[in-house]
Amino acid sequence: MDMGGKMVALINGNVYEEGQVVDGNIIAAITFESVTIMENGTKKILPIKR
């Protein structure tokens, strides 16, 4: 979602921005369709549930 011009994701009830760490994984990118994380050095794209 867009929060004041910045893309954020709601994960497990918490709001995260790109660059933050969730469960040991870095959030690399957030779009309206997906969240991309770095998991053990590998990019993983997680689709957004609507």
PDB file of N, CA and C in Angstrom:
ATOM      1  N   MET A   1       0.840  -1.176   0.000  1.00  0.00           N
ATOM      2  CA  MET A   1       0.000   0.000   0.000  1.00  0.00           C
ATOM      3  C   MET A   1       0.884   1.237   0.000  1.00  0.00           C
ATOM      4  N   ASP A   2       0.342   2.332  -0.424  1.00  0.00           N
ATOM      5  CA  ASP A   2       1.070   3.595  -0.487  1.00  0.00           C
ATOM      6  C   ASP A   2       0.732   4.387   0.766  1.00  0.00           C
ATOM      7  N   MET A   3       1.757   4.754   1.517  1.00  0.00           N
ATOM      8  CA  MET A   3       1.566   5.525   2.739  1.00  0.00           C
ATOM      9  C   MET A   3       2.403   6.797   2.638  1.00  0.00           C
ATOM     10  N   GLY A   4       1.745   7.885   2.270  1.00  0.00           N
ATOM     11  CA  GLY A   4       2.447   9.160   2.153  1.00  0.00           C
ATOM     12  C   GLY A   4       3.519   9.162   1.077  1.00  0.00           C
ATOM     13  N   GLY A   5       3.265   8.475  -0.051  1.00  0.00           N
ATOM     14  CA  GLY A   5       4.219   8.422  -1.144  1.00  0.00           C
ATOM     15  C   GLY A   5       5.277   7.345  -0.993  1.00  0.00           C
ATOM     16  N   LYS A   6       5.190   6.555   0.056  1.00  0.00           N
ATOM     17  CA  LYS A   6       6.149   5.481   0.310  1.00  0.00           C
ATOM     18  C   LYS A   6       5.401   4.162   0.315  1.00  0.00           C
ATOM     19  N   MET A   7       5.937   3.170  -0.409  1.00  0.00           N
ATOM     20  CA  MET A   7       5.300   1.853  -0.448  1.00  0.00           C
ATOM     21  C   MET A   7       5.628   1.097   0.839  1.00  0.00           C
ATOM     22  N   VAL A   8       4.598   0.532   1.454  1.00  0.00           N
ATOM     23  CA  VAL A   8       4.752  -0.259   2.670  1.00  0.00           C
ATOM     24  C   VAL A   8       3.938  -1.540   2.517  1.00  0.00           C
ATOM     25  N   ALA A   9       4.258  -2.527   3.343  1.00  0.00           N
ATOM     26  CA  ALA A   9       3.518  -3.785   3.333  1.00  0.00           C
ATOM     27  C   ALA A   9       3.063  -4.104   4.746  1.00  0.00           C
ATOM     28  N   LEU A  10       1.865  -4.617   4.859  1.00  0.00           N
ATOM     29  CA  LEU A  10       1.331  -5.065   6.138  1.00  0.00           C
ATOM     30  C   LEU A  10       1.585  -6.563   6.230  1.00  0.00           C
ATOM     31  N   ILE A  11       2.488  -6.956   7.142  1.00  0.00           N
ATOM     32  CA  ILE A  11       2.874  -8.356   7.296  1.00  0.00           C
ATOM     33  C   ILE A  11       2.648  -8.758   8.741  1.00  0.00           C
ATOM     34  N   ASN A  12       1.802  -9.744   8.935  1.00  0.00           N
ATOM     35  CA  ASN A  12       1.476 -10.233  10.281  1.00  0.00           C
ATOM     36  C   ASN A  12       1.063  -9.103  11.222  1.00  0.00           C
ATOM     37  N   GLY A  13       0.298  -8.146  10.698  1.00  0.00           N
ATOM     38  CA  GLY A  13      -0.225  -7.050  11.509  1.00  0.00           C
ATOM     39  C   GLY A  13       0.735  -5.903  11.744  1.00  0.00           C
ATOM     40  N   ASN A  14       1.934  -5.952  11.150  1.00  0.00           N
ATOM     41  CA  ASN A  14       2.932  -4.887  11.302  1.00  0.00           C
ATOM     42  C   ASN A  14       3.213  -4.245   9.952  1.00  0.00           C
ATOM     43  N   VAL A  15       3.524  -2.944   9.956  1.00  0.00           N
ATOM     44  CA  VAL A  15       3.825  -2.203   8.732  1.00  0.00           C
ATOM     45  C   VAL A  15       5.339  -2.187   8.530  1.00  0.00           C
ATOM     46  N   TYR A  16       5.771  -2.564   7.296  1.00  0.00           N
ATOM     47  CA  TYR A  16       7.186  -2.605   6.956  1.00  0.00           C
ATOM     48  C   TYR A  16       7.463  -1.808   5.687  1.00  0.00           C
ATOM     49  N   GLU A  17       8.688  -1.250   5.603  1.00  0.00           N
ATOM     50  CA  GLU A  17       9.155  -0.531   4.426  1.00  0.00           C
ATOM     51  C   GLU A  17      10.270  -1.344   3.776  1.00  0.00           C
ATOM     52  N   GLU A  18      10.615  -0.967   2.539  1.00  0.00           N
ATOM     53  CA  GLU A  18      11.760  -1.585   1.870  1.00  0.00           C
ATOM     54  C   GLU A  18      13.007  -1.390   2.726  1.00  0.00           C
ATOM     55  N   GLY A  19      13.843  -2.424   2.802  1.00  0.00           N
ATOM     56  CA  GLY A  19      15.078  -2.364   3.570  1.00  0.00           C
ATOM     57  C   GLY A  19      14.958  -2.901   4.980  1.00  0.00           C
ATOM     58  N   GLN A  20      13.737  -3.030   5.481  1.00  0.00           N
ATOM     59  CA  GLN A  20      13.555  -3.567   6.824  1.00  0.00           C
ATOM     60  C   GLN A  20      13.647  -5.088   6.806  1.00  0.00           C
ATOM     61  N   VAL A  21      13.879  -5.663   7.983  1.00  0.00           N
ATOM     62  CA  VAL A  21      14.040  -7.104   8.121  1.00  0.00           C
ATOM     63  C   VAL A  21      12.807  -7.714   8.780  1.00  0.00           C
ATOM     64  N   VAL A  22      12.299  -8.810   8.175  1.00  0.00           N
ATOM     65  CA  VAL A  22      11.162  -9.553   8.713  1.00  0.00           C
ATOM     66  C   VAL A  22      11.589 -11.020   8.806  1.00  0.00           C
ATOM     67  N   ASP A  23      11.553 -11.565   9.989  1.00  0.00           N
ATOM     68  CA  ASP A  23      11.927 -12.971  10.199  1.00  0.00           C
ATOM     69  C   ASP A  23      13.279 -13.305   9.572  1.00  0.00           C
ATOM     70  N   GLY A  24      14.231 -12.385   9.674  1.00  0.00           N
ATOM     71  CA  GLY A  24      15.581 -12.608   9.161  1.00  0.00           C
ATOM     72  C   GLY A  24      15.730 -12.376   7.667  1.00  0.00           C
ATOM     73  N   ASN A  25      14.671 -11.926   6.989  1.00  0.00           N
ATOM     74  CA  ASN A  25      14.701 -11.667   5.545  1.00  0.00           C
ATOM     75  C   ASN A  25      14.553 -10.178   5.277  1.00  0.00           C
ATOM     76  N   ILE A  26      15.358  -9.656   4.357  1.00  0.00           N
ATOM     77  CA  ILE A  26      15.316  -8.236   4.018  1.00  0.00           C
ATOM     78  C   ILE A  26      14.245  -8.001   2.958  1.00  0.00           C
ATOM     79  N   ILE A  27      13.408  -6.977   3.160  1.00  0.00           N
ATOM     80  CA  ILE A  27      12.418  -6.598   2.157  1.00  0.00           C
ATOM     81  C   ILE A  27      13.152  -5.791   1.087  1.00  0.00           C
ATOM     82  N   ALA A  28      13.249  -6.364  -0.119  1.00  0.00           N
ATOM     83  CA  ALA A  28      13.987  -5.727  -1.207  1.00  0.00           C
ATOM     84  C   ALA A  28      13.124  -4.769  -2.015  1.00  0.00           C
ATOM     85  N   ALA A  29      11.832  -5.110  -2.197  1.00  0.00           N
ATOM     86  CA  ALA A  29      10.937  -4.266  -2.997  1.00  0.00           C
ATOM     87  C   ALA A  29       9.491  -4.528  -2.611  1.00  0.00           C
ATOM     88  N   ILE A  30       8.688  -3.470  -2.734  1.00  0.00           N
ATOM     89  CA  ILE A  30       7.253  -3.570  -2.467  1.00  0.00           C
ATOM     90  C   ILE A  30       6.520  -2.928  -3.636  1.00  0.00           C
ATOM     91  N   THR A  31       5.570  -3.661  -4.223  1.00  0.00           N
ATOM     92  CA  THR A  31       4.702  -3.099  -5.259  1.00  0.00           C
ATOM     93  C   THR A  31       3.257  -3.393  -4.845  1.00  0.00           C
ATOM     94  N   PHE A  32       2.317  -2.943  -5.652  1.00  0.00           N
ATOM     95  CA  PHE A  32       0.910  -3.234  -5.358  1.00  0.00           C
ATOM     96  C   PHE A  32       0.593  -4.711  -5.585  1.00  0.00           C
ATOM     97  N   GLU A  33       1.423  -5.422  -6.363  1.00  0.00           N
ATOM     98  CA  GLU A  33       1.177  -6.823  -6.680  1.00  0.00           C
ATOM     99  C   GLU A  33       1.990  -7.802  -5.842  1.00  0.00           C
ATOM    100  N   SER A  34       3.157  -7.369  -5.300  1.00  0.00           N
ATOM    101  CA  SER A  34       4.027  -8.323  -4.602  1.00  0.00           C
ATOM    102  C   SER A  34       5.004  -7.646  -3.646  1.00  0.00           C
ATOM    103  N   VAL A  35       5.610  -8.489  -2.804  1.00  0.00           N
ATOM    104  CA  VAL A  35       6.714  -8.072  -1.939  1.00  0.00           C
ATOM    105  C   VAL A  35       7.884  -8.988  -2.292  1.00  0.00           C
ATOM    106  N   THR A  36       9.043  -8.392  -2.574  1.00  0.00           N
ATOM    107  CA  THR A  36      10.235  -9.173  -2.886  1.00  0.00           C
ATOM    108  C   THR A  36      11.141  -9.152  -1.668  1.00  0.00           C
ATOM    109  N   ILE A  37      11.548 -10.349  -1.226  1.00  0.00           N
ATOM    110  CA  ILE A  37      12.447 -10.447  -0.081  1.00  0.00           C
ATOM    111  C   ILE A  37      13.743 -11.127  -0.508  1.00  0.00           C
ATOM    112  N   MET A  38      14.789 -10.898   0.267  1.00  0.00           N
ATOM    113  CA  MET A  38      16.048 -11.614   0.096  1.00  0.00           C
ATOM    114  C   MET A  38      16.098 -12.661   1.193  1.00  0.00           C
ATOM    115  N   GLU A  39      16.042 -13.938   0.791  1.00  0.00           N
ATOM    116  CA  GLU A  39      16.042 -15.044   1.734  1.00  0.00           C
ATOM    117  C   GLU A  39      17.302 -15.872   1.482  1.00  0.00           C
ATOM    118  N   ASN A  40      18.238 -15.818   2.419  1.00  0.00           N
ATOM    119  CA  ASN A  40      19.506 -16.543   2.283  1.00  0.00           C
ATOM    120  C   ASN A  40      20.218 -16.204   0.973  1.00  0.00           C
ATOM    121  N   GLY A  41      20.210 -14.915   0.596  1.00  0.00           N
ATOM    122  CA  GLY A  41      20.897 -14.463  -0.611  1.00  0.00           C
ATOM    123  C   GLY A  41      20.138 -14.678  -1.899  1.00  0.00           C
ATOM    124  N   THR A  42      18.918 -15.203  -1.816  1.00  0.00           N
ATOM    125  CA  THR A  42      18.099 -15.454  -2.993  1.00  0.00           C
ATOM    126  C   THR A  42      16.852 -14.588  -2.950  1.00  0.00           C
ATOM    127  N   LYS A  43      16.530 -13.936  -4.096  1.00  0.00           N
ATOM    128  CA  LYS A  43      15.305 -13.144  -4.168  1.00  0.00           C
ATOM    129  C   LYS A  43      14.104 -14.061  -4.259  1.00  0.00           C
ATOM    130  N   LYS A  44      13.091 -13.748  -3.472  1.00  0.00           N
ATOM    131  CA  LYS A  44      11.837 -14.510  -3.496  1.00  0.00           C
ATOM    132  C   LYS A  44      10.706 -13.498  -3.623  1.00  0.00           C
ATOM    133  N   ILE A  45       9.837 -13.691  -4.604  1.00  0.00           N
ATOM    134  CA  ILE A  45       8.721 -12.793  -4.836  1.00  0.00           C
ATOM    135  C   ILE A  45       7.458 -13.401  -4.228  1.00  0.00           C
ATOM    136  N   LEU A  46       6.846 -12.644  -3.313  1.00  0.00           N
ATOM    137  CA  LEU A  46       5.631 -13.093  -2.629  1.00  0.00           C
ATOM    138  C   LEU A  46       4.442 -12.293  -3.138  1.00  0.00           C
ATOM    139  N   PRO A  47       3.457 -12.948  -3.739  1.00  0.00           N
ATOM    140  CA  PRO A  47       2.291 -12.217  -4.244  1.00  0.00           C
ATOM    141  C   PRO A  47       1.468 -11.624  -3.102  1.00  0.00           C
ATOM    142  N   ILE A  48       0.833 -10.498  -3.380  1.00  0.00           N
ATOM    143  CA  ILE A  48      -0.038  -9.836  -2.399  1.00  0.00           C
ATOM    144  C   ILE A  48      -1.408 -10.515  -2.441  1.00  0.00           C
ATOM    145  N   LYS A  49      -1.921 -10.852  -1.267  1.00  0.00           N
ATOM    146  CA  LYS A  49      -3.281 -11.417  -1.186  1.00  0.00           C
ATOM    147  C   LYS A  49      -4.257 -10.259  -1.046  1.00  0.00           C
ATOM    148  N   ARG A  50      -5.326 -10.313  -1.827  1.00  0.00           N
ATOM    149  CA  ARG A  50      -6.341  -9.250  -1.786  1.00  0.00           C
ATOM    150  C   ARG A  50      -7.655  -9.816  -1.362  1.00  0.00           C
TER     151      ARG A  50
END
